[in-house]
C-alpha atoms as a PDB file:
ATOM      1  CA  MET A   1      98.344  94.858 130.503  1.00  0.00           C
ATOM      2  CA  PRO A   2      98.675  94.142 126.985  1.00  0.00           C
ATOM      3  CA  VAL A   3     101.555  94.519 124.871  1.00  0.00           C
ATOM      4  CA  PHE A   4     101.690  94.557 120.649  1.00  0.00           C
ATOM      5  CA  VAL A   5     104.390  93.158 119.427  1.00  0.00           C
ATOM      6  CA  ARG A   6     107.275  95.235 118.132  1.00  0.00           C
ATOM      7  CA  SER A   7     109.665  93.323 116.497  1.00  0.00           C
ATOM      8  CA  GLU A   8     112.706  93.603 113.850  1.00  0.00           C
ATOM      9  CA  ARG A   9     110.003  91.417 111.346  1.00  0.00           C
ATOM     10  CA  ALA A  10     106.698  93.266 112.275  1.00  0.00           C
ATOM     11  CA  SER A  11     104.557  90.482 113.108  1.00  0.00           C
ATOM     12  CA  PRO A  12     101.104  91.384 111.770  1.00  0.00           C
ATOM     13  CA  ALA A  13      98.051  91.901 115.100  1.00  0.00           C
ATOM     14  CA  ASP A  14      96.664  88.175 116.315  1.00  0.00           C
ATOM     15  CA  SER A  15      93.025  88.265 116.600  1.00  0.00           C
ATOM     16  CA  ILE A  16      93.395  89.081 120.625  1.00  0.00           C
ATOM     17  CA  GLN A  17      95.192  92.401 119.520  1.00  0.00           C
ATOM     18  CA  ARG A  18      92.594  93.244 116.933  1.00  0.00           C
ATOM     19  CA  GLU A  19      89.916  92.926 118.930  1.00  0.00           C
ATOM     20  CA  ARG A  20      91.353  95.299 121.451  1.00  0.00           C
ATOM     21  CA  ALA A  21      91.508  97.875 118.381  1.00  0.00           C
ATOM     22  CA  GLY A  22      88.079  97.221 117.896  1.00  0.00           C
ATOM     23  CA  ARG A  23      87.224  98.572 121.151  1.00  0.00           C
ATOM     24  CA  MET A  24      89.165 101.737 120.310  1.00  0.00           C
ATOM     25  CA  ILE A  25      87.812 102.294 117.127  1.00  0.00           C
ATOM     26  CA  GLU A  26      84.553 102.217 118.394  1.00  0.00           C
ATOM     27  CA  ASP A  27      85.041 104.285 121.210  1.00  0.00           C
ATOM     28  CA  GLY A  28      86.773 107.105 119.838  1.00  0.00           C
ATOM     29  CA  ALA A  29      85.519 109.389 117.231  1.00  0.00           C
ATOM     30  CA  ALA A  30      84.759 108.498 113.855  1.00  0.00           C
ATOM     31  CA  ASP A  31      87.098 108.351 111.335  1.00  0.00           C
ATOM     32  CA  ALA A  32      86.591 107.452 107.861  1.00  0.00           C
ATOM     33  CA  LEU A  33      89.436 105.066 107.736  1.00  0.00           C
ATOM     34  CA  ALA A  34      90.013 103.743 111.183  1.00  0.00           C
ATOM     35  CA  PRO A  35      88.167 100.426 110.573  1.00  0.00           C
ATOM     36  CA  PHE A  36      90.506  99.239 107.848  1.00  0.00           C
ATOM     37  CA  VAL A  37      92.974  99.380 110.831  1.00  0.00           C
ATOM     38  CA  LEU A  38      92.013  95.707 111.249  1.00  0.00           C
ATOM     39  CA  ARG A  39      92.835  94.790 108.332  1.00  0.00           C
ATOM     40  CA  VAL A  40      94.254  91.073 108.668  1.00  0.00           C
ATOM     41  CA  GLY A  41      97.838  91.041 108.177  1.00  0.00           C
ATOM     42  CA  LYS A  42      98.641  94.573 109.635  1.00  0.00           C
ATOM     43  CA  SER A  43     101.265  95.427 112.823  1.00  0.00           C
ATOM     44  CA  TYR A  44     100.279  97.135 115.630  1.00  0.00           C
ATOM     45  CA  PHE A  45     102.172  99.220 117.292  1.00  0.00           C
ATOM     46  CA  GLU A  46     101.151 100.680 120.957  1.00  0.00           C
ATOM     47  CA  SER A  47     101.622 104.070 122.624  1.00  0.00           C
ATOM     48  CA  SER A  48     103.611 103.581 125.881  1.00  0.00           C
ATOM     49  CA  ASP A  49     100.635 104.284 128.160  1.00  0.00           C
ATOM     50  CA  GLY A  50      98.375 101.746 126.041  1.00  0.00           C
ATOM     51  CA  ARG A  51      95.469 104.529 125.611  1.00  0.00           C
ATOM     52  CA  ALA A  52      96.588 104.369 121.528  1.00  0.00           C
ATOM     53  CA  LEU A  53      97.880 102.548 118.765  1.00  0.00           C
ATOM     54  CA  LEU A  54      98.232 102.936 114.680  1.00  0.00           C
ATOM     55  CA  ALA A  55      98.831 100.194 112.165  1.00  0.00           C
ATOM     56  CA  TYR A  56     101.535  99.410 109.767  1.00  0.00           C
ATOM     57  CA  ARG A  57     103.691  96.958 107.179  1.00  0.00           C
ATOM     58  CA  VAL A  58     106.516  97.126 106.225  1.00  0.00           C
ATOM     59  CA  ARG A  59     107.420  96.154 102.643  1.00  0.00           C
ATOM     60  CA  LEU A  60     110.830  97.258 100.947  1.00  0.00           C
ATOM     61  CA  GLY A  61     112.360  98.499 103.636  1.00  0.00           C
ATOM     62  CA  THR A  62     109.646 101.107 104.519  1.00  0.00           C
ATOM     63  CA  ALA A  63     107.278 100.899 107.320  1.00  0.00           C
ATOM     64  CA  VAL A  64     103.775 102.695 105.951  1.00  0.00           C
ATOM     65  CA  VAL A  65     101.550 103.338 108.762  1.00  0.00           C
ATOM     66  CA  SER A  66      97.785 103.295 107.692  1.00  0.00           C
ATOM     67  CA  GLY A  67      95.817 106.084 108.399  1.00  0.00           C
ATOM     68  CA  ASP A  68      94.953 108.049 111.562  1.00  0.00           C
ATOM     69  CA  PRO A  69      96.231 106.305 114.961  1.00  0.00           C
ATOM     70  CA  VAL A  70      92.888 105.152 116.606  1.00  0.00           C
ATOM     71  CA  GLY A  71      91.994 105.266 120.572  1.00  0.00           C
ATOM     72  CA  ASP A  72      92.919 108.403 123.041  1.00  0.00           C
ATOM     73  CA  SER A  73      93.955 110.993 121.084  1.00  0.00           C
ATOM     74  CA  THR A  74      96.022 112.891 123.496  1.00  0.00           C
ATOM     75  CA  SER A  75      98.342 110.107 123.021  1.00  0.00           C
ATOM     76  CA  PHE A  76      98.754 110.371 119.688  1.00  0.00           C
ATOM     77  CA  GLN A  77     101.656 112.226 119.600  1.00  0.00           C
ATOM     78  CA  ALA A  78     103.423 110.762 121.904  1.00  0.00           C
ATOM     79  CA  LEU A  79     102.814 107.426 119.611  1.00  0.00           C
ATOM     80  CA  ALA A  80     104.105 109.070 116.756  1.00  0.00           C
ATOM     81  CA  ASP A  81     107.122 109.717 117.984  1.00  0.00           C
ATOM     82  CA  GLU A  82     107.845 106.479 120.069  1.00  0.00           C
ATOM     83  CA  PHE A  83     107.538 104.899 116.350  1.00  0.00           C
ATOM     84  CA  VAL A  84     109.256 107.382 114.821  1.00  0.00           C
ATOM     85  CA  ASP A  85     112.263 106.257 117.089  1.00  0.00           C
ATOM     86  CA  PHE A  86     111.437 102.187 117.002  1.00  0.00           C
ATOM     87  CA  CYS A  87     111.984 103.071 113.071  1.00  0.00           C
ATOM     88  CA  THR A  88     114.949 104.701 113.249  1.00  0.00           C
ATOM     89  CA  LYS A  89     116.434 101.574 115.371  1.00  0.00           C
ATOM     90  CA  GLN A  90     114.737  99.489 113.034  1.00  0.00           C
ATOM     91  CA  ARG A  91     116.206 101.273 110.048  1.00  0.00           C
ATOM     92  CA  TRP A  92     113.236 101.463 108.087  1.00  0.00           C
ATOM     93  CA  ARG A  93     112.285 104.632 106.233  1.00  0.00           C
ATOM     94  CA  LEU A  94     108.784 105.878 107.422  1.00  0.00           C
ATOM     95  CA  ALA A  95     105.729 106.921 105.479  1.00  0.00           C
ATOM     96  CA  VAL A  96     102.038 107.659 106.800  1.00  0.00           C
ATOM     97  CA  LEU A  97      98.950 106.678 103.550  1.00  0.00           C
ATOM     98  CA  GLY A  98      96.048 108.623 104.346  1.00  0.00           C
ATOM     99  CA  ALA A  99      96.780 110.835 107.317  1.00  0.00           C
ATOM    100  CA  GLY A 100      93.574 113.169 108.237  1.00  0.00           C
ATOM    101  CA  GLU A 101      93.254 116.654 108.377  1.00  0.00           C
ATOM    102  CA  GLY A 102      94.572 116.458 111.944  1.00  0.00           C
ATOM    103  CA  GLY A 103      96.602 113.389 112.292  1.00  0.00           C
ATOM    104  CA  HIS A 104      98.888 114.297 109.657  1.00  0.00           C
ATOM    105  CA  ARG A 105     100.388 117.083 112.182  1.00  0.00           C
ATOM    106  CA  LEU A 106     101.558 114.626 114.575  1.00  0.00           C
ATOM    107  CA  TRP A 107     104.282 113.819 111.685  1.00  0.00           C
ATOM    108  CA  LEU A 108     105.277 117.584 110.603  1.00  0.00           C
ATOM    109  CA  PRO A 109     108.287 117.284 113.589  1.00  0.00           C
ATOM    110  CA  HIS A 110     109.905 114.557 112.188  1.00  0.00           C
ATOM    111  CA  ARG A 111     110.217 116.272 108.815  1.00  0.00           C
ATOM    112  CA  LEU A 112     107.784 114.222 107.009  1.00  0.00           C
ATOM    113  CA  SER A 113     105.935 116.349 104.433  1.00  0.00           C
ATOM    114  CA  PRO A 114     102.085 116.090 103.508  1.00  0.00           C
ATOM    115  CA  PHE A 115     101.275 115.415  99.870  1.00  0.00           C
ATOM    116  CA  ALA A 116      97.058 115.726  99.650  1.00  0.00           C
ATOM    117  CA  ILE A 117      96.120 112.241  97.554  1.00  0.00           C
ATOM    118  CA  GLY A 118      91.974 113.457  98.345  1.00  0.00           C
ATOM    119  CA  ARG A 119      89.211 113.975 100.820  1.00  0.00           C
ATOM    120  CA  ASP A 120      86.697 112.201 103.002  1.00  0.00           C
ATOM    121  CA  VAL A 121      83.332 111.636 101.963  1.00  0.00           C
ATOM    122  CA  VAL A 122      81.338 111.964 105.025  1.00  0.00           C
ATOM    123  CA  ILE A 123      76.981 112.051 104.917  1.00  0.00           C
ATOM    124  CA  THR A 124      75.490 113.745 107.767  1.00  0.00           C
ATOM    125  CA  VAL A 125      72.369 112.298 108.669  1.00  0.00           C
ATOM    126  CA  ASP A 126      70.487 114.250 110.278  1.00  0.00           C
ATOM    127  CA  GLY A 127      68.839 116.387 108.004  1.00  0.00           C
ATOM    128  CA  PHE A 128      70.586 114.926 105.086  1.00  0.00           C
ATOM    129  CA  THR A 129      67.837 115.308 101.475  1.00  0.00           C
ATOM    130  CA  MET A 130      68.308 115.419  98.086  1.00  0.00           C
ATOM    131  CA  THR A 131      65.966 118.799  97.595  1.00  0.00           C
ATOM    132  CA  GLY A 132      67.311 120.731  95.400  1.00  0.00           C
ATOM    133  CA  ARG A 133      68.803 121.344  92.171  1.00  0.00           C
ATOM    134  CA  ARG A 134      72.288 120.181  92.843  1.00  0.00           C
ATOM    135  CA  TYR A 135      71.096 116.851  93.921  1.00  0.00           C
ATOM    136  CA  ARG A 136      69.015 116.999  90.481  1.00  0.00           C
ATOM    137  CA  ASN A 137      71.608 113.962  89.210  1.00  0.00           C
ATOM    138  CA  LEU A 138      71.568 112.297  92.634  1.00  0.00           C
ATOM    139  CA  ARG A 139      67.706 112.000  92.814  1.00  0.00           C
ATOM    140  CA  GLN A 140      67.421 110.757  88.788  1.00  0.00           C
ATOM    141  CA  ALA A 141      69.748 107.701  89.553  1.00  0.00           C
ATOM    142  CA  VAL A 142      67.624 106.947  92.569  1.00  0.00           C
ATOM    143  CA  ARG A 143      64.363 107.379  90.411  1.00  0.00           C
ATOM    144  CA  ARG A 144      65.888 105.027  87.927  1.00  0.00           C
ATOM    145  CA  SER A 145      66.780 102.299  90.411  1.00  0.00           C
ATOM    146  CA  ASP A 146      62.776 102.807  91.779  1.00  0.00           C
ATOM    147  CA  THR A 147      61.825 102.153  87.656  1.00  0.00           C
ATOM    148  CA  GLY A 148      63.786  98.442  87.498  1.00  0.00           C
ATOM    149  CA  GLY A 149      62.273  97.242  90.516  1.00  0.00           C
ATOM    150  CA  VAL A 150      65.762  97.328  93.074  1.00  0.00           C
ATOM    151  CA  THR A 151      64.490  97.256  96.274  1.00  0.00           C
ATOM    152  CA  VAL A 152      67.185  96.926  98.837  1.00  0.00           C
ATOM    153  CA  ARG A 153      67.440  94.821 102.817  1.00  0.00           C
ATOM    154  CA  PHE A 154      70.243  94.834 105.233  1.00  0.00           C
ATOM    155  CA  HIS A 155      72.084  92.151 107.396  1.00  0.00           C
ATOM    156  CA  ARG A 156      74.258  91.044 109.638  1.00  0.00           C
ATOM    157  CA  GLU A 157      76.746  89.998 108.442  1.00  0.00           C
ATOM    158  CA  GLY A 158      78.018  87.067 111.266  1.00  0.00           C
ATOM    159  CA  SER A 159      73.718  86.239 110.586  1.00  0.00           C
ATOM    160  CA  ILE A 160      73.942  86.150 106.669  1.00  0.00           C
ATOM    161  CA  GLY A 161      72.918  82.505 105.871  1.00  0.00           C
ATOM    162  CA  HIS A 162      74.421  80.305 103.861  1.00  0.00           C
ATOM    163  CA  PRO A 163      72.403  80.411 100.290  1.00  0.00           C
ATOM    164  CA  LEU A 164      72.816  84.412 100.631  1.00  0.00           C
ATOM    165  CA  VAL A 165      76.706  84.289 101.166  1.00  0.00           C
ATOM    166  CA  THR A 166      77.181  81.867  98.125  1.00  0.00           C
ATOM    167  CA  GLN A 167      74.965  84.135  95.966  1.00  0.00           C
ATOM    168  CA  LEU A 168      76.783  87.481  97.105  1.00  0.00           C
ATOM    169  CA  LEU A 169      80.111  85.496  96.958  1.00  0.00           C
ATOM    170  CA  ASP A 170      78.955  84.760  92.954  1.00  0.00           C
ATOM    171  CA  LEU A 171      77.587  88.293  92.812  1.00  0.00           C
ATOM    172  CA  ARG A 172      81.544  89.188  93.192  1.00  0.00           C
ATOM    173  CA  VAL A 173      82.690  87.031  90.943  1.00  0.00           C
ATOM    174  CA  ARG A 174      80.463  88.424  88.395  1.00  0.00           C
ATOM    175  CA  ALA A 175      81.331  92.014  89.141  1.00  0.00           C
ATOM    176  CA  GLY A 176      85.312  91.166  89.144  1.00  0.00           C
ATOM    177  CA  LYS A 177      85.771  92.254  92.375  1.00  0.00           C
ATOM    178  CA  THR A 178      87.595  88.658  93.814  1.00  0.00           C
ATOM    179  CA  LYS A 179      90.659  89.966  95.195  1.00  0.00           C
ATOM    180  CA  ASP A 180      91.556  91.287  98.088  1.00  0.00           C
ATOM    181  CA  ARG A 181      93.646  94.189  96.708  1.00  0.00           C
ATOM    182  CA  GLY A 182      93.875  97.253  99.132  1.00  0.00           C
ATOM    183  CA  PHE A 183      96.137  98.362 102.602  1.00  0.00           C
ATOM    184  CA  SER A 184      94.573 101.858 103.536  1.00  0.00           C
ATOM    185  CA  MET A 185      90.914 101.700 102.227  1.00  0.00           C
ATOM    186  CA  LEU A 186      89.766  97.977 102.331  1.00  0.00           C
ATOM    187  CA  LEU A 187      88.878  95.746 105.201  1.00  0.00           C
ATOM    188  CA  GLY A 188      88.768  92.271 103.294  1.00  0.00           C
ATOM    189  CA  ASN A 189      88.045  88.824 104.405  1.00  0.00           C
ATOM    190  CA  LEU A 190      84.171  89.091 103.014  1.00  0.00           C
ATOM    191  CA  LEU A 191      82.227  86.885 104.733  1.00  0.00           C
ATOM    192  CA  ASP A 192      84.363  84.459 105.773  1.00  0.00           C
ATOM    193  CA  GLY A 193      83.329  85.683 109.791  1.00  0.00           C
ATOM    194  CA  THR A 194      85.971  87.567 110.748  1.00  0.00           C
ATOM    195  CA  HIS A 195      83.651  90.494 111.031  1.00  0.00           C
ATOM    196  CA  PRO A 196      80.254  89.449 111.773  1.00  0.00           C
ATOM    197  CA  ASN A 197      79.520  93.238 112.274  1.00  0.00           C
ATOM    198  CA  ALA A 198      79.815  94.428 109.914  1.00  0.00           C
ATOM    199  CA  ILE A 199      76.697  95.501 108.222  1.00  0.00           C
ATOM    200  CA  ILE A 200      75.880  94.588 104.240  1.00  0.00           C
ATOM    201  CA  ALA A 201      73.586  96.399 102.253  1.00  0.00           C
ATOM    202  CA  VAL A 202      72.198  94.048  99.314  1.00  0.00           C
ATOM    203  CA  ALA A 203      69.870  95.233  96.604  1.00  0.00           C
ATOM    204  CA  ARG A 204      67.550  93.131  94.461  1.00  0.00           C
ATOM    205  CA  ASP A 205      65.709  93.383  91.171  1.00  0.00           C
ATOM    206  CA  ARG A 206      62.450  92.544  90.556  1.00  0.00           C
ATOM    207  CA  ASP A 207      62.978  88.988  90.642  1.00  0.00           C
ATOM    208  CA  GLY A 208      64.141  89.386  94.199  1.00  0.00           C
ATOM    209  CA  SER A 209      68.109  87.952  93.155  1.00  0.00           C
ATOM    210  CA  PRO A 210      70.641  89.443  94.386  1.00  0.00           C
ATOM    211  CA  VAL A 211      72.078  91.902  91.994  1.00  0.00           C
ATOM    212  CA  ALA A 212      74.480  94.881  94.106  1.00  0.00           C
ATOM    213  CA  PHE A 213      75.868  95.295  97.525  1.00  0.00           C
ATOM    214  CA  GLN A 214      78.097  97.501 100.046  1.00  0.00           C
ATOM    215  CA  ARG A 215      79.523  96.300 103.544  1.00  0.00           C
ATOM    216  CA  TYR A 216      79.763  99.555 105.960  1.00  0.00           C
ATOM    217  CA  LEU A 217      81.452  99.091 108.723  1.00  0.00           C
ATOM    218  CA  ARG A 218      81.718 100.793 112.187  1.00  0.00           C
ATOM    219  CA  SER A 219      83.527 104.023 112.851  1.00  0.00           C
ATOM    220  CA  GLY A 220      83.024 105.233 116.383  1.00  0.00           C
ATOM    221  CA  LYS A 221      80.107 105.426 118.480  1.00  0.00           C
ATOM    222  CA  ASP A 222      77.701 106.501 115.415  1.00  0.00           C
ATOM    223  CA  GLY A 223      79.940 106.367 112.466  1.00  0.00           C
ATOM    224  CA  LEU A 224      79.693 104.286 109.954  1.00  0.00           C
ATOM    225  CA  THR A 225      81.959 103.743 106.374  1.00  0.00           C
ATOM    226  CA  LEU A 226      82.161 101.776 103.432  1.00  0.00           C
ATOM    227  CA  ASP A 227      84.135  98.989 103.341  1.00  0.00           C
ATOM    228  CA  LEU A 228      83.598  96.892  99.793  1.00  0.00           C
ATOM    229  CA  PRO A 229      80.927  97.812  96.698  1.00  0.00           C
ATOM    230  CA  VAL A 230      80.141  94.897  94.408  1.00  0.00           C
ATOM    231  CA  ARG A 231      77.751  95.710  91.767  1.00  0.00           C
ATOM    232  CA  ASP A 232      76.926  92.828  89.050  1.00  0.00           C
ATOM    233  CA  PRO A 233      76.891  94.666  85.760  1.00  0.00           C
ATOM    234  CA  SER A 234      73.446  93.991  84.677  1.00  0.00           C
ATOM    235  CA  ALA A 235      71.865  96.092  87.981  1.00  0.00           C
ATOM    236  CA  PRO A 236      69.750  98.425  86.972  1.00  0.00           C
ATOM    237  CA  ASN A 237      71.377 101.918  86.534  1.00  0.00           C
ATOM    238  CA  GLY A 238      71.130 103.723  89.865  1.00  0.00           C
ATOM    239  CA  THR A 239      71.263 100.637  91.895  1.00  0.00           C
ATOM    240  CA  ASP A 240      74.867 101.896  93.679  1.00  0.00           C
ATOM    241  CA  GLU A 241      73.130 105.535  94.132  1.00  0.00           C
ATOM    242  CA  ARG A 242      69.933 103.692  95.706  1.00  0.00           C
ATOM    243  CA  LEU A 243      72.795 101.034  98.127  1.00  0.00           C
ATOM    244  CA  VAL A 244      74.095 104.493  99.608  1.00  0.00           C
ATOM    245  CA  ILE A 245      70.659 106.293 100.038  1.00  0.00           C
ATOM    246  CA  GLU A 246      68.928 103.515 101.017  1.00  0.00           C
ATOM    247  CA  THR A 247      71.902 102.756 104.110  1.00  0.00           C
ATOM    248  CA  VAL A 248      71.579 106.656 105.247  1.00  0.00           C
ATOM    249  CA  ARG A 249      67.956 105.834 105.677  1.00  0.00           C
ATOM    250  CA  TRP A 250      68.949 102.869 107.489  1.00  0.00           C
ATOM    251  CA  ALA A 251      71.698 104.749 109.754  1.00  0.00           C
ATOM    252  CA  GLY A 252      69.059 107.417 110.873  1.00  0.00           C
ATOM    253  CA  ALA A 253      66.650 105.006 112.066  1.00  0.00           C
ATOM    254  CA  HIS A 254      69.407 103.001 113.855  1.00  0.00           C
ATOM    255  CA  ASP A 255      71.135 106.481 115.771  1.00  0.00           C
ATOM    256  CA  PHE A 256      74.302 106.746 113.334  1.00  0.00           C
ATOM    257  CA  ARG A 257      74.982 110.440 112.707  1.00  0.00           C
ATOM    258  CA  SER A 258      77.053 109.845 109.495  1.00  0.00           C
ATOM    259  CA  VAL A 259      78.107 107.480 106.816  1.00  0.00           C
ATOM    260  CA  SER A 260      81.364 108.274 105.274  1.00  0.00           C
ATOM    261  CA  LEU A 261      81.631 106.698 101.640  1.00  0.00           C
ATOM    262  CA  SER A 262      85.241 106.746 102.580  1.00  0.00           C
ATOM    263  CA  PHE A 263      87.508 108.302 100.211  1.00  0.00           C
ATOM    264  CA  ALA A 264      87.424 110.400  97.662  1.00  0.00           C
ATOM    265  CA  PRO A 265      91.280 110.229  95.241  1.00  0.00           C
ATOM    266  CA  PHE A 266      92.581 113.634  94.018  1.00  0.00           C
ATOM    267  CA  ALA A 267      88.940 114.767  94.513  1.00  0.00           C
ATOM    268  CA  ASP A 268      90.791 118.818  94.548  1.00  0.00           C
ATOM    269  CA  LEU A 269      91.850 118.167  91.212  1.00  0.00           C
ATOM    270  CA  TYR A 270      88.762 116.687  89.556  1.00  0.00           C
ATOM    271  CA  GLY A 271      86.431 119.523  91.134  1.00  0.00           C
ATOM    272  CA  SER A 272      87.820 122.300  88.706  1.00  0.00           C
ATOM    273  CA  GLN A 273      88.919 122.640  84.912  1.00  0.00           C
ATOM    274  CA  PRO A 274      92.311 121.863  84.513  1.00  0.00           C
ATOM    275  CA  ARG A 275      94.305 124.979  83.672  1.00  0.00           C
ATOM    276  CA  SER A 276      97.964 124.396  83.521  1.00  0.00           C
ATOM    277  CA  ALA A 277     100.008 121.663  81.777  1.00  0.00           C
ATOM    278  CA  GLY A 278     100.933 120.360  84.994  1.00  0.00           C
ATOM    279  CA  GLN A 279      97.139 119.637  85.919  1.00  0.00           C
ATOM    280  CA  ARG A 280      96.271 117.678  82.472  1.00  0.00           C
ATOM    281  CA  GLY A 281      99.614 116.010  82.825  1.00  0.00           C
ATOM    282  CA  SER A 282      98.652 114.731  86.633  1.00  0.00           C
ATOM    283  CA  ARG A 283      94.996 113.786  85.402  1.00  0.00           C
ATOM    284  CA  ALA A 284      97.069 112.024  82.551  1.00  0.00           C
ATOM    285  CA  ALA A 285      99.492 110.315  84.815  1.00  0.00           C
ATOM    286  CA  LEU A 286      96.256 109.128  86.931  1.00  0.00           C
ATOM    287  CA  ARG A 287      94.500 107.122  84.044  1.00  0.00           C
ATOM    288  CA  LEU A 288      97.827 104.461  84.382  1.00  0.00           C
ATOM    289  CA  LEU A 289      95.394 103.403  87.662  1.00  0.00           C
ATOM    290  CA  ASP A 290      92.689 102.739  85.149  1.00  0.00           C
ATOM    291  CA  PRO A 291      93.324  98.892  85.605  1.00  0.00           C
ATOM    292  CA  PHE A 292      92.864  98.932  89.581  1.00  0.00           C
ATOM    293  CA  VAL A 293      90.195 102.066  90.496  1.00  0.00           C
ATOM    294  CA  ARG A 294      89.398 104.240  87.881  1.00  0.00           C
ATOM    295  CA  VAL A 295      89.468 107.760  89.300  1.00  0.00           C
ATOM    296  CA  GLU A 296      87.788 109.949  87.719  1.00  0.00           C
ATOM    297  CA  PRO A 297      84.607 107.739  87.320  1.00  0.00           C
ATOM    298  CA  LEU A 298      84.657 107.863  91.176  1.00  0.00           C
ATOM    299  CA  TYR A 299      84.686 111.026  91.824  1.00  0.00           C
ATOM    300  CA  MET A 300      82.094 111.752  89.482  1.00  0.00           C
ATOM    301  CA  PHE A 301      79.962 109.261  91.615  1.00  0.00           C
ATOM    302  CA  LEU A 302      81.260 110.408  94.624  1.00  0.00           C
ATOM    303  CA  ARG A 303      80.073 114.133  94.051  1.00  0.00           C
ATOM    304  CA  LYS A 304      76.774 113.951  93.819  1.00  0.00           C
ATOM    305  CA  PHE A 305      76.161 113.218  97.438  1.00  0.00           C
ATOM    306  CA  HIS A 306      78.128 116.954  98.018  1.00  0.00           C
ATOM    307  CA  ALA A 307      79.832 115.607 101.303  1.00  0.00           C
ATOM    308  CA  LEU A 308      83.337 116.074 100.125  1.00  0.00           C
ATOM    309  CA  GLN A 309      85.093 116.921 103.568  1.00  0.00           C
ATOM    310  CA  GLY A 310      88.517 116.711 105.504  1.00  0.00           C
ATOM    311  CA  ARG A 311      92.081 116.412 103.184  1.00  0.00           C
ATOM    312  CA  ARG A 312      93.688 113.338 103.014  1.00  0.00           C
ATOM    313  CA  PHE A 313      98.002 113.210 103.029  1.00  0.00           C
ATOM    314  CA  VAL A 314     100.366 110.746 101.795  1.00  0.00           C
ATOM    315  CA  MET A 315     103.217 111.925 104.854  1.00  0.00           C
ATOM    316  CA  LEU A 316     106.752 111.001 103.726  1.00  0.00           C
ATOM    317  CA  ARG A 317     110.379 112.764 103.342  1.00  0.00           C
ATOM    318  CA  ARG A 318     110.835 115.046 100.213  1.00  0.00           C
ATOM    319  CA  ARG A 319     114.027 112.395  99.117  1.00  0.00           C
ATOM    320  CA  GLN A 320     112.313 109.521  99.518  1.00  0.00           C
ATOM    321  CA  VAL A 321     109.834 110.084  97.008  1.00  0.00           C
ATOM    322  CA  VAL A 322     110.448 107.675  94.772  1.00  0.00           C
ATOM    323  CA  ARG A 323     111.018 104.814  96.770  1.00  0.00           C
ATOM    324  CA  VAL A 324     108.511 105.197  99.210  1.00  0.00           C
ATOM    325  CA  THR A 325     105.791 105.869  96.473  1.00  0.00           C
ATOM    326  CA  THR A 326     106.959 102.316  94.995  1.00  0.00           C
ATOM    327  CA  THR A 327     106.672 100.334  98.179  1.00  0.00           C
ATOM    328  CA  MET A 328     102.459 102.380  98.645  1.00  0.00           C
ATOM    329  CA  LEU A 329     101.620 101.154  95.240  1.00  0.00           C
ATOM    330  CA  LEU A 330     102.752  97.797  95.809  1.00  0.00           C
ATOM    331  CA  LEU A 331     100.523  97.823  99.129  1.00  0.00           C
ATOM    332  CA  GLU A 332      97.681  99.649  97.728  1.00  0.00           C
ATOM    333  CA  PHE A 333      97.504  97.350  94.414  1.00  0.00           C
ATOM    334  CA  GLY A 334      99.867  94.319  94.891  1.00  0.00           C
ATOM    335  CA  ALA A 335      99.111  90.839  95.332  1.00  0.00           C
ATOM    336  CA  PRO A 336      97.207  90.351  98.112  1.00  0.00           C
ATOM    337  CA  PRO A 337      99.541  89.122 101.643  1.00  0.00           C
ATOM    338  CA  ASP A 338      99.461  84.935 102.073  1.00  0.00           C
ATOM    339  CA  GLU A 339      97.664  85.637 105.788  1.00  0.00           C
ATOM    340  CA  HIS A 340      94.611  87.228 103.447  1.00  0.00           C
ATOM    341  CA  ARG A 341      94.806  83.817 100.623  1.00  0.00           C
ATOM    342  CA  ASN A 342      95.804  81.005 103.443  1.00  0.00           C
ATOM    343  CA  THR A 343      92.829  82.243 105.873  1.00  0.00           C
ATOM    344  CA  LYS A 344      90.346  79.532 106.181  1.00  0.00           C
ATOM    345  CA  ARG A 345      86.732  80.099 106.028  1.00  0.00           C
ATOM    346  CA  ARG A 346      85.215  80.591 109.071  1.00  0.00           C
ATOM    347  CA  PHE A 347      81.626  80.890 108.694  1.00  0.00           C
ATOM    348  CA  ARG A 348      79.116  79.801 110.496  1.00  0.00           C
ATOM    349  CA  PRO A 349      75.440  79.690 109.274  1.00  0.00           C
ATOM    350  CA  GLY A 350      72.682  82.633 110.725  1.00  0.00           C
ATOM    351  CA  GLN A 351      69.862  83.353 109.689  1.00  0.00           C
ATOM    352  CA  SER A 352      69.205  85.671 106.658  1.00  0.00           C
END
């Protein structure tokens, strides 16, 4: 049985280990953040029975776990217990970024407190419709994309030919999304051959030029999760919404049951009018993240789909809030690790 590296240096998982983790993800239940376990540069810790694992990185003496474990859920609690012991031996602080409604309970016995940071956004494919008053804004956005001449086509990432790859990478530059910053909700290694089974939804204008695209990842046996949305600033209004709706339709035709738009940060805070000074202060503080992610516009976009689901949590020990929060911000918004910058392009031309 393969053994995942457990060292004081927290060696990143290699391609063979990530391939095995990928099988665990595909065989498990659909989980919006599970595919991001495969991000290059993360380390893995496997349960003693070899049936589950979690992904983490160590920064500033803190081991930050990425989302929930993957694999056999009956092994999750033992895995969490073993990882806590491991961190204690390494003298690492411990935190979890993006624990789910069920997964966050794994850490409660170890005195990690939950702080809600947002909600999953999951569209159930079967029976999804844009009818009704509450979907009016969504219908209007999609209609504007129709008026703008937008069409959408789907590609398997590993089969995209060089001409389209070049167009999409140029589009990414125009959109200002050239850096793979992120930890818990970004896969990285776009169009370099690392993730050939990802699905790319490409929006084209009436002249046939790509103006936006979204990458989706396999989550469980029948789920898709949005990884990276990219849009040219000049793209017709409603293009992003159109891509999502077309993906839901494509998913239904290919036996997928859910499409996750990943995560709506601080959805509960933005979902109601701020009534207290604390709530108003929290909203003001979140604007500090605008250079990295504009939280409120993101929430306003995601709420159009009326698909908010379970909460996501940060798990940490209260006395370590400042240090752990600093570490998490560095992981999410700091410079990409060396393994991303130095990854050689391994793309092999396919058929577009």
